[in-house]
Amino acid sequence: MTQGGITNAADLQRVCFQLQVKPDRIAEYRTRHTAVWPDMLHALASTGWHNYSIFLRPDGLLIGYFETPSLEAAQAGMADTEINARWQAEMAEFFEDLGDQPPDTGFLVLDEIFNLEEQLATHHAAEGIPTSNTQNRTTP
C-alpha cells in the first residue's frame, strides 16, 4: 500500500499503450511535449500517473508507459479535471484512428508478457533467497 503518501512499486499496475501520430504532425507533437503545461503535469501526478514516459518512432508510432494504482481511477481522475479536457481537445488532432475518444482513453493498451523483476523474484523465492538479497545479485 502506501507509506507517507508514497505508493509501493508492488502496488502499481504497469500500463503500456500505443497511439499513432499523424505523419504531418510529428514535429509539432514533439514540440508540444517539450513544455507540457505545469497544471497538466500536476494533474497527472496527483491522479495516479507515475513514472510516465512517451516514446515516439520517426514514423509516428507512439508508445506510452506509466505506473498507477488503477488505470480506471487514473483516467477517471483526469476526466474530472478542466485542464485535461483542454489538453485532450488540443492533442486529439495529432492522432489517427481515435474516433470520438480523447487520446487519454482512446489508446490501445498492450499486454505485458515479461517483467524481469517479477521473474527474478519468483526464481529467488523458489531458491529460498530472501528478496532483500536479490537487488545486487546477478544470476547466470
C-alpha atoms as a PDB file:
ATOM      1  CA  MET A   1       0.000   0.000   0.000  1.00  0.00           C
ATOM      2  CA  THR A   2       1.350   3.415   0.891  1.00  0.00           C
ATOM      3  CA  GLN A   3       3.787   4.786   3.431  1.00  0.00           C
ATOM      4  CA  GLY A   4       3.738   8.518   3.991  1.00  0.00           C
ATOM      5  CA  GLY A   5       1.718   9.046   0.805  1.00  0.00           C
ATOM      6  CA  ILE A   6       4.154   7.043  -1.352  1.00  0.00           C
ATOM      7  CA  THR A   7       2.780   4.057  -3.252  1.00  0.00           C
ATOM      8  CA  ASN A   8       4.888   0.897  -3.144  1.00  0.00           C
ATOM      9  CA  ALA A   9       6.025  -0.358  -6.549  1.00  0.00           C
ATOM     10  CA  ALA A  10       4.398  -3.732  -5.864  1.00  0.00           C
ATOM     11  CA  ASP A  11       1.011  -1.978  -5.636  1.00  0.00           C
ATOM     12  CA  LEU A  12       1.318  -0.364  -9.062  1.00  0.00           C
ATOM     13  CA  GLN A  13      -0.110  -1.550 -12.353  1.00  0.00           C
ATOM     14  CA  ARG A  14       2.290  -1.047 -15.279  1.00  0.00           C
ATOM     15  CA  VAL A  15       0.455   0.355 -18.306  1.00  0.00           C
ATOM     16  CA  CYS A  16       1.964   0.437 -21.784  1.00  0.00           C
ATOM     17  CA  PHE A  17      -0.098   1.900 -24.607  1.00  0.00           C
ATOM     18  CA  GLN A  18       0.074   2.652 -28.295  1.00  0.00           C
ATOM     19  CA  LEU A  19      -1.190   5.503 -30.454  1.00  0.00           C
ATOM     20  CA  GLN A  20      -0.350   6.687 -33.972  1.00  0.00           C
ATOM     21  CA  VAL A  21       0.630  10.312 -34.529  1.00  0.00           C
ATOM     22  CA  LYS A  22      -0.259  11.660 -37.978  1.00  0.00           C
ATOM     23  CA  PRO A  23       2.936  11.847 -40.057  1.00  0.00           C
ATOM     24  CA  ASP A  24       2.462  15.523 -40.916  1.00  0.00           C
ATOM     25  CA  ARG A  25       2.036  16.425 -37.206  1.00  0.00           C
ATOM     26  CA  ILE A  26       5.037  14.611 -35.676  1.00  0.00           C
ATOM     27  CA  ALA A  27       7.316  17.668 -35.394  1.00  0.00           C
ATOM     28  CA  GLU A  28       4.628  19.776 -33.727  1.00  0.00           C
ATOM     29  CA  TYR A  29       3.653  16.909 -31.407  1.00  0.00           C
ATOM     30  CA  ARG A  30       7.277  16.645 -30.262  1.00  0.00           C
ATOM     31  CA  THR A  31       7.435  20.403 -29.708  1.00  0.00           C
ATOM     32  CA  ARG A  32       4.246  20.424 -27.623  1.00  0.00           C
ATOM     33  CA  HIS A  33       5.743  17.837 -25.274  1.00  0.00           C
ATOM     34  CA  THR A  34       8.920  19.806 -24.589  1.00  0.00           C
ATOM     35  CA  ALA A  35       6.928  22.132 -22.325  1.00  0.00           C
ATOM     36  CA  VAL A  36       3.716  20.492 -21.120  1.00  0.00           C
ATOM     37  CA  TRP A  37       1.535  22.900 -19.145  1.00  0.00           C
ATOM     38  CA  PRO A  38       2.508  22.839 -15.447  1.00  0.00           C
ATOM     39  CA  ASP A  39      -1.147  22.392 -14.399  1.00  0.00           C
ATOM     40  CA  MET A  40      -1.356  19.324 -16.648  1.00  0.00           C
ATOM     41  CA  LEU A  41       1.822  17.867 -15.123  1.00  0.00           C
ATOM     42  CA  HIS A  42       0.454  18.370 -11.597  1.00  0.00           C
ATOM     43  CA  ALA A  43      -2.915  16.873 -12.553  1.00  0.00           C
ATOM     44  CA  LEU A  44      -1.265  13.746 -13.955  1.00  0.00           C
ATOM     45  CA  ALA A  45       0.904  13.292 -10.872  1.00  0.00           C
ATOM     46  CA  SER A  46      -1.975  13.841  -8.444  1.00  0.00           C
ATOM     47  CA  THR A  47      -4.344  11.423 -10.213  1.00  0.00           C
ATOM     48  CA  GLY A  48      -2.002   8.436 -10.274  1.00  0.00           C
ATOM     49  CA  TRP A  49       0.044   8.699 -13.490  1.00  0.00           C
ATOM     50  CA  HIS A  50       3.520   7.849 -12.122  1.00  0.00           C
ATOM     51  CA  ASN A  51       6.801   7.242 -13.948  1.00  0.00           C
ATOM     52  CA  TYR A  52       5.046   8.382 -17.137  1.00  0.00           C
ATOM     53  CA  SER A  53       7.054   8.387 -20.371  1.00  0.00           C
ATOM     54  CA  ILE A  54       6.171   8.746 -24.037  1.00  0.00           C
ATOM     55  CA  PHE A  55       8.334   7.292 -26.799  1.00  0.00           C
ATOM     56  CA  LEU A  56       7.906   8.242 -30.457  1.00  0.00           C
ATOM     57  CA  ARG A  57       9.229   6.465 -33.519  1.00  0.00           C
ATOM     58  CA  PRO A  58      10.100   8.578 -36.609  1.00  0.00           C
ATOM     59  CA  ASP A  59       7.013   7.250 -38.436  1.00  0.00           C
ATOM     60  CA  GLY A  60       4.703   8.441 -35.627  1.00  0.00           C
ATOM     61  CA  LEU A  61       4.231   5.201 -33.705  1.00  0.00           C
ATOM     62  CA  LEU A  62       3.817   6.335 -30.113  1.00  0.00           C
ATOM     63  CA  ILE A  63       4.365   4.101 -27.117  1.00  0.00           C
ATOM     64  CA  GLY A  64       3.476   5.411 -23.677  1.00  0.00           C
ATOM     65  CA  TYR A  65       4.246   3.884 -20.314  1.00  0.00           C
ATOM     66  CA  PHE A  66       3.159   4.724 -16.786  1.00  0.00           C
ATOM     67  CA  GLU A  67       2.591   3.095 -13.425  1.00  0.00           C
ATOM     68  CA  THR A  68      -0.588   3.575 -11.453  1.00  0.00           C
ATOM     69  CA  PRO A  69      -2.573   2.018  -8.621  1.00  0.00           C
ATOM     70  CA  SER A  70      -5.516   1.771 -11.073  1.00  0.00           C
ATOM     71  CA  LEU A  71      -5.785   2.620 -14.778  1.00  0.00           C
ATOM     72  CA  GLU A  72      -9.520   3.238 -14.412  1.00  0.00           C
ATOM     73  CA  ALA A  73      -9.072   5.527 -11.408  1.00  0.00           C
ATOM     74  CA  ALA A  74      -6.221   7.422 -13.105  1.00  0.00           C
ATOM     75  CA  GLN A  75      -8.339   8.012 -16.211  1.00  0.00           C
ATOM     76  CA  ALA A  76     -11.387   8.973 -14.135  1.00  0.00           C
ATOM     77  CA  GLY A  77      -9.307  11.359 -12.034  1.00  0.00           C
ATOM     78  CA  MET A  78      -8.050  13.133 -15.131  1.00  0.00           C
ATOM     79  CA  ALA A  79     -11.542  13.206 -16.657  1.00  0.00           C
ATOM     80  CA  ASP A  80     -12.637  15.239 -13.620  1.00  0.00           C
ATOM     81  CA  THR A  81     -10.102  17.994 -14.318  1.00  0.00           C
ATOM     82  CA  GLU A  82     -10.698  21.018 -16.534  1.00  0.00           C
ATOM     83  CA  ILE A  83      -7.049  21.111 -17.618  1.00  0.00           C
ATOM     84  CA  ASN A  84      -7.266  17.586 -19.020  1.00  0.00           C
ATOM     85  CA  ALA A  85     -10.337  18.445 -21.117  1.00  0.00           C
ATOM     86  CA  ARG A  86      -8.403  21.339 -22.668  1.00  0.00           C
ATOM     87  CA  TRP A  87      -5.242  19.276 -23.225  1.00  0.00           C
ATOM     88  CA  GLN A  88      -7.083  16.318 -24.770  1.00  0.00           C
ATOM     89  CA  ALA A  89      -9.048  18.633 -27.097  1.00  0.00           C
ATOM     90  CA  GLU A  90      -5.788  20.134 -28.338  1.00  0.00           C
ATOM     91  CA  MET A  91      -3.978  16.787 -28.647  1.00  0.00           C
ATOM     92  CA  ALA A  92      -6.772  14.837 -30.394  1.00  0.00           C
ATOM     93  CA  GLU A  93      -5.981  16.386 -33.775  1.00  0.00           C
ATOM     94  CA  PHE A  94      -2.497  14.836 -33.726  1.00  0.00           C
ATOM     95  CA  PHE A  95      -3.681  11.206 -33.744  1.00  0.00           C
ATOM     96  CA  GLU A  96      -5.057   8.742 -36.260  1.00  0.00           C
ATOM     97  CA  ASP A  97      -7.978   6.376 -35.592  1.00  0.00           C
ATOM     98  CA  LEU A  98      -9.300   7.766 -32.311  1.00  0.00           C
ATOM     99  CA  GLY A  99     -12.918   8.028 -33.411  1.00  0.00           C
ATOM    100  CA  ASP A 100     -14.794  10.082 -30.821  1.00  0.00           C
ATOM    101  CA  GLN A 101     -12.470   9.150 -27.946  1.00  0.00           C
ATOM    102  CA  PRO A 102      -9.885  11.525 -26.469  1.00  0.00           C
ATOM    103  CA  PRO A 103      -6.257  10.332 -26.632  1.00  0.00           C
ATOM    104  CA  ASP A 104      -6.075   9.501 -22.909  1.00  0.00           C
ATOM    105  CA  THR A 105      -8.824   6.886 -23.243  1.00  0.00           C
ATOM    106  CA  GLY A 106      -8.551   6.053 -26.956  1.00  0.00           C
ATOM    107  CA  PHE A 107      -5.168   4.387 -26.756  1.00  0.00           C
ATOM    108  CA  LEU A 108      -4.535   0.679 -27.246  1.00  0.00           C
ATOM    109  CA  VAL A 109      -3.302  -0.934 -24.016  1.00  0.00           C
ATOM    110  CA  LEU A 110      -0.593  -3.512 -24.698  1.00  0.00           C
ATOM    111  CA  ASP A 111      -0.342  -6.780 -22.777  1.00  0.00           C
ATOM    112  CA  GLU A 112       2.735  -7.157 -20.600  1.00  0.00           C
ATOM    113  CA  ILE A 113       4.209 -10.586 -21.272  1.00  0.00           C
ATOM    114  CA  PHE A 114       7.557 -10.331 -19.459  1.00  0.00           C
ATOM    115  CA  ASN A 115       8.885  -8.483 -16.425  1.00  0.00           C
ATOM    116  CA  LEU A 116      12.431  -9.129 -15.272  1.00  0.00           C
ATOM    117  CA  GLU A 117      11.922  -8.205 -11.613  1.00  0.00           C
ATOM    118  CA  GLU A 118       8.830 -10.399 -11.236  1.00  0.00           C
ATOM    119  CA  GLN A 119      10.537 -13.425 -12.770  1.00  0.00           C
ATOM    120  CA  LEU A 120      13.684 -12.921 -10.711  1.00  0.00           C
ATOM    121  CA  ALA A 121      11.586 -12.639  -7.542  1.00  0.00           C
ATOM    122  CA  THR A 122       9.779 -15.877  -8.415  1.00  0.00           C
ATOM    123  CA  HIS A 123      13.077 -17.623  -9.174  1.00  0.00           C
ATOM    124  CA  HIS A 124      14.685 -16.368  -5.968  1.00  0.00           C
ATOM    125  CA  ALA A 125      11.643 -17.323  -3.879  1.00  0.00           C
ATOM    126  CA  ALA A 126      11.840 -20.857  -5.286  1.00  0.00           C
ATOM    127  CA  GLU A 127      15.528 -20.990  -4.290  1.00  0.00           C
ATOM    128  CA  GLY A 128      14.768 -19.612  -0.830  1.00  0.00           C
ATOM    129  CA  ILE A 129      16.760 -16.424  -1.431  1.00  0.00           C
ATOM    130  CA  PRO A 130      15.384 -13.500   0.602  1.00  0.00           C
ATOM    131  CA  THR A 131      14.082 -10.612  -1.523  1.00  0.00           C
ATOM    132  CA  SER A 132      16.383  -8.106   0.184  1.00  0.00           C
ATOM    133  CA  ASN A 133      19.406 -10.048  -1.116  1.00  0.00           C
ATOM    134  CA  THR A 134      18.303 -10.022  -4.751  1.00  0.00           C
ATOM    135  CA  GLN A 135      18.783  -6.380  -5.677  1.00  0.00           C
ATOM    136  CA  ASN A 136      22.546  -6.527  -6.223  1.00  0.00           C
ATOM    137  CA  ARG A 137      22.782 -10.181  -7.164  1.00  0.00           C
ATOM    138  CA  THR A 138      23.183 -11.345 -10.735  1.00  0.00           C
ATOM    139  CA  THR A 139      22.106 -14.775 -11.806  1.00  0.00           C
ATOM    140  CA  PRO A 140      23.567 -16.699 -14.735  1.00  0.00           C
END
